């Protein structure tokens, strides 16, 4: 893996960290009763989640292509591939891969976005992104330090 690819991964990781800080701040005291009171904040939360999920997928795609692995057909499979190549545990990849479907809802507006799901992600799933960052950093350190 070249230095440019490592730099690109690190750039994506920094983007994820910035979005996590934003989401933690923007979601402070957000509840089902007030999530849409400030529509700009709500849109920011949706967009921040979308960028986080896309960053996970982007990093996975960078690693997959730089290791000459056949590109998976779906975003879900892309995340699962990270387990197959030993970067993240299987159970973690399976759980995180569910975010690919959520990303599709956010991007393509297949259905009205369920505010309950957004609240659940904000409350219980943001740490999954931190864990992903930690796995990627560990993998980079073990393989490219």
Protein backbone atom coordinates (compact mmCIF):
# COMPACT_ATOMS: atom_id res chain seq x y z
CA UNK A 1 0.00 0.00 0.00
CA UNK A 2 1.47 3.33 -0.99
CA UNK A 3 1.92 6.34 1.23
CA UNK A 4 -0.78 8.17 -0.77
CA UNK A 5 -3.32 5.46 0.01
CA UNK A 6 -2.44 5.53 3.70
CA UNK A 7 -2.82 9.34 3.65
CA UNK A 8 -6.21 9.00 1.98
CA UNK A 9 -7.37 6.53 4.65
CA UNK A 10 -6.11 8.86 7.38
CA UNK A 11 -7.97 11.77 5.78
CA UNK A 12 -11.19 9.73 5.80
CA UNK A 13 -10.60 8.81 9.45
CA UNK A 14 -10.18 12.50 10.36
CA UNK A 15 -13.41 13.29 8.49
CA UNK A 16 -15.17 10.61 10.52
CA UNK A 17 -13.81 12.03 13.77
CA UNK A 18 -15.01 15.55 12.87
CA UNK A 19 -18.47 14.23 12.01
CA UNK A 20 -18.67 12.30 15.26
CA UNK A 21 -17.89 15.48 17.23
CA UNK A 22 -20.56 17.37 15.26
CA UNK A 23 -23.14 14.64 15.77
CA UNK A 24 -22.48 14.43 19.50
CA UNK A 25 -22.92 18.20 19.78
CA UNK A 26 -25.93 18.42 17.44
CA UNK A 27 -27.73 15.56 19.13
CA UNK A 28 -27.34 16.87 22.67
CA UNK A 29 -30.78 16.76 24.33
CA UNK A 30 -32.47 15.63 21.12
CA UNK A 31 -35.58 13.55 21.63
CA UNK A 32 -38.48 12.23 19.59
CA UNK A 33 -40.46 15.26 20.70
CA UNK A 34 -37.97 17.87 19.51
CA UNK A 35 -35.82 16.27 16.80
CA UNK A 36 -37.45 18.30 14.03
CA UNK A 37 -37.95 21.54 15.96
CA UNK A 38 -34.76 22.85 14.35
CA UNK A 39 -34.95 21.50 10.80
CA UNK A 40 -31.45 22.73 9.95
CA UNK A 41 -30.03 20.76 12.88
CA UNK A 42 -32.10 17.73 11.83
CA UNK A 43 -30.77 17.90 8.26
CA UNK A 44 -27.27 18.28 9.66
CA UNK A 45 -27.74 15.16 11.75
CA UNK A 46 -28.99 13.21 8.72
CA UNK A 47 -26.10 14.45 6.58
CA UNK A 48 -23.54 13.76 9.32
CA UNK A 49 -24.77 10.17 9.62
CA UNK A 50 -24.68 9.75 5.84
CA UNK A 51 -21.09 11.02 5.66
CA UNK A 52 -20.03 8.71 8.52
CA UNK A 53 -21.49 5.66 6.80
CA UNK A 54 -20.03 6.64 3.43
CA UNK A 55 -16.62 7.12 5.06
CA UNK A 56 -16.77 3.57 6.45
CA UNK A 57 -17.57 2.30 2.95
CA UNK A 58 -14.91 4.50 1.31
CA UNK A 59 -12.19 3.26 3.65
CA UNK A 60 -13.23 -0.34 3.07
CA UNK A 61 -13.20 0.20 -0.71
CA UNK A 62 -9.73 1.78 -0.56
CA UNK A 63 -8.36 -1.17 1.41
CA UNK A 64 -10.10 -3.72 -0.82
CA UNK A 65 -8.86 -2.18 -4.07
CA UNK A 66 -5.32 -1.61 -2.79
CA UNK A 67 -5.10 -5.29 -1.87
CA UNK A 68 -6.31 -6.47 -5.29
CA UNK A 69 -9.46 -8.00 -3.85
CA UNK A 70 -12.48 -8.19 -6.11
CA UNK A 71 -14.83 -5.31 -5.37
CA UNK A 72 -18.01 -6.46 -3.60
CA UNK A 73 -21.30 -5.82 -5.35
CA UNK A 74 -23.02 -3.99 -2.50
CA UNK A 75 -22.10 -1.55 0.24
CA UNK A 76 -23.16 -4.13 2.80
CA UNK A 77 -20.80 -6.71 1.28
CA UNK A 78 -18.04 -4.10 1.22
CA UNK A 79 -18.29 -3.69 4.99
CA UNK A 80 -18.51 -7.47 5.51
CA UNK A 81 -15.33 -7.90 3.46
CA UNK A 82 -13.44 -6.06 6.20
CA UNK A 83 -14.12 -9.06 8.41
CA UNK A 84 -13.17 -11.59 5.76
CA UNK A 85 -9.74 -9.98 5.38
CA UNK A 86 -9.24 -9.81 9.15
CA UNK A 87 -9.51 -6.10 9.86
CA UNK A 88 -12.66 -6.16 11.99
CA UNK A 89 -14.38 -9.01 13.84
CA UNK A 90 -17.20 -10.79 12.02
CA UNK A 91 -19.93 -9.90 14.53
CA UNK A 92 -18.89 -6.24 14.42
CA UNK A 93 -18.89 -6.21 10.60
CA UNK A 94 -22.33 -7.81 10.51
CA UNK A 95 -23.73 -5.17 12.84
CA UNK A 96 -22.01 -2.25 11.10
CA UNK A 97 -23.08 -3.49 7.66
CA UNK A 98 -26.70 -2.75 8.60
CA UNK A 99 -25.75 0.92 8.29
CA UNK A 100 -25.43 0.46 4.52
CA UNK A 101 -29.20 0.03 4.22
CA UNK A 102 -29.77 3.03 6.46
CA UNK A 103 -27.43 5.04 4.24
CA UNK A 104 -29.53 4.11 1.20
CA UNK A 105 -32.66 5.39 2.92
CA UNK A 106 -30.92 8.66 3.80
CA UNK A 107 -29.50 9.18 0.31
CA UNK A 108 -32.27 7.93 -1.92
CA UNK A 109 -35.21 8.76 0.32
CA UNK A 110 -36.71 5.34 -0.35
CA UNK A 111 -39.03 5.93 2.55
CA UNK A 112 -39.71 8.52 5.15
CA UNK A 113 -36.74 8.40 7.48
CA UNK A 114 -37.86 6.98 10.81
CA UNK A 115 -36.87 9.49 13.46
CA UNK A 116 -36.76 6.65 15.98
CA UNK A 117 -33.97 4.99 14.00
CA UNK A 118 -32.02 8.24 13.85
CA UNK A 119 -32.38 8.64 17.61
CA UNK A 120 -31.29 5.03 18.17
CA UNK A 121 -28.22 5.52 15.98
CA UNK A 122 -27.33 8.73 17.83
CA UNK A 123 -27.86 7.10 21.21
CA UNK A 124 -26.46 3.61 20.66
CA UNK A 125 -24.49 3.34 17.43
CA UNK A 126 -22.10 6.30 17.24
CA UNK A 127 -19.60 4.31 19.30
CA UNK A 128 -19.56 1.71 16.49
CA UNK A 129 -17.94 4.34 14.28
CA UNK A 130 -15.33 5.04 16.95
CA UNK A 131 -14.68 1.31 17.17
CA UNK A 132 -14.31 1.14 13.37
CA UNK A 133 -11.79 3.99 13.46
CA UNK A 134 -9.86 2.11 16.16
CA UNK A 135 -9.81 -1.11 14.10
CA UNK A 136 -8.56 0.73 11.02
CA UNK A 137 -5.88 2.58 13.01
CA UNK A 138 -4.77 -0.71 14.61
CA UNK A 139 -4.60 -2.39 11.18
CA UNK A 140 -2.60 0.53 9.72
CA UNK A 141 -0.19 0.48 12.67
CA UNK A 142 0.31 -3.30 12.49
CA UNK A 143 0.84 -3.33 8.74
CA UNK A 144 2.27 0.04 7.71
CA UNK A 145 4.25 1.54 10.61
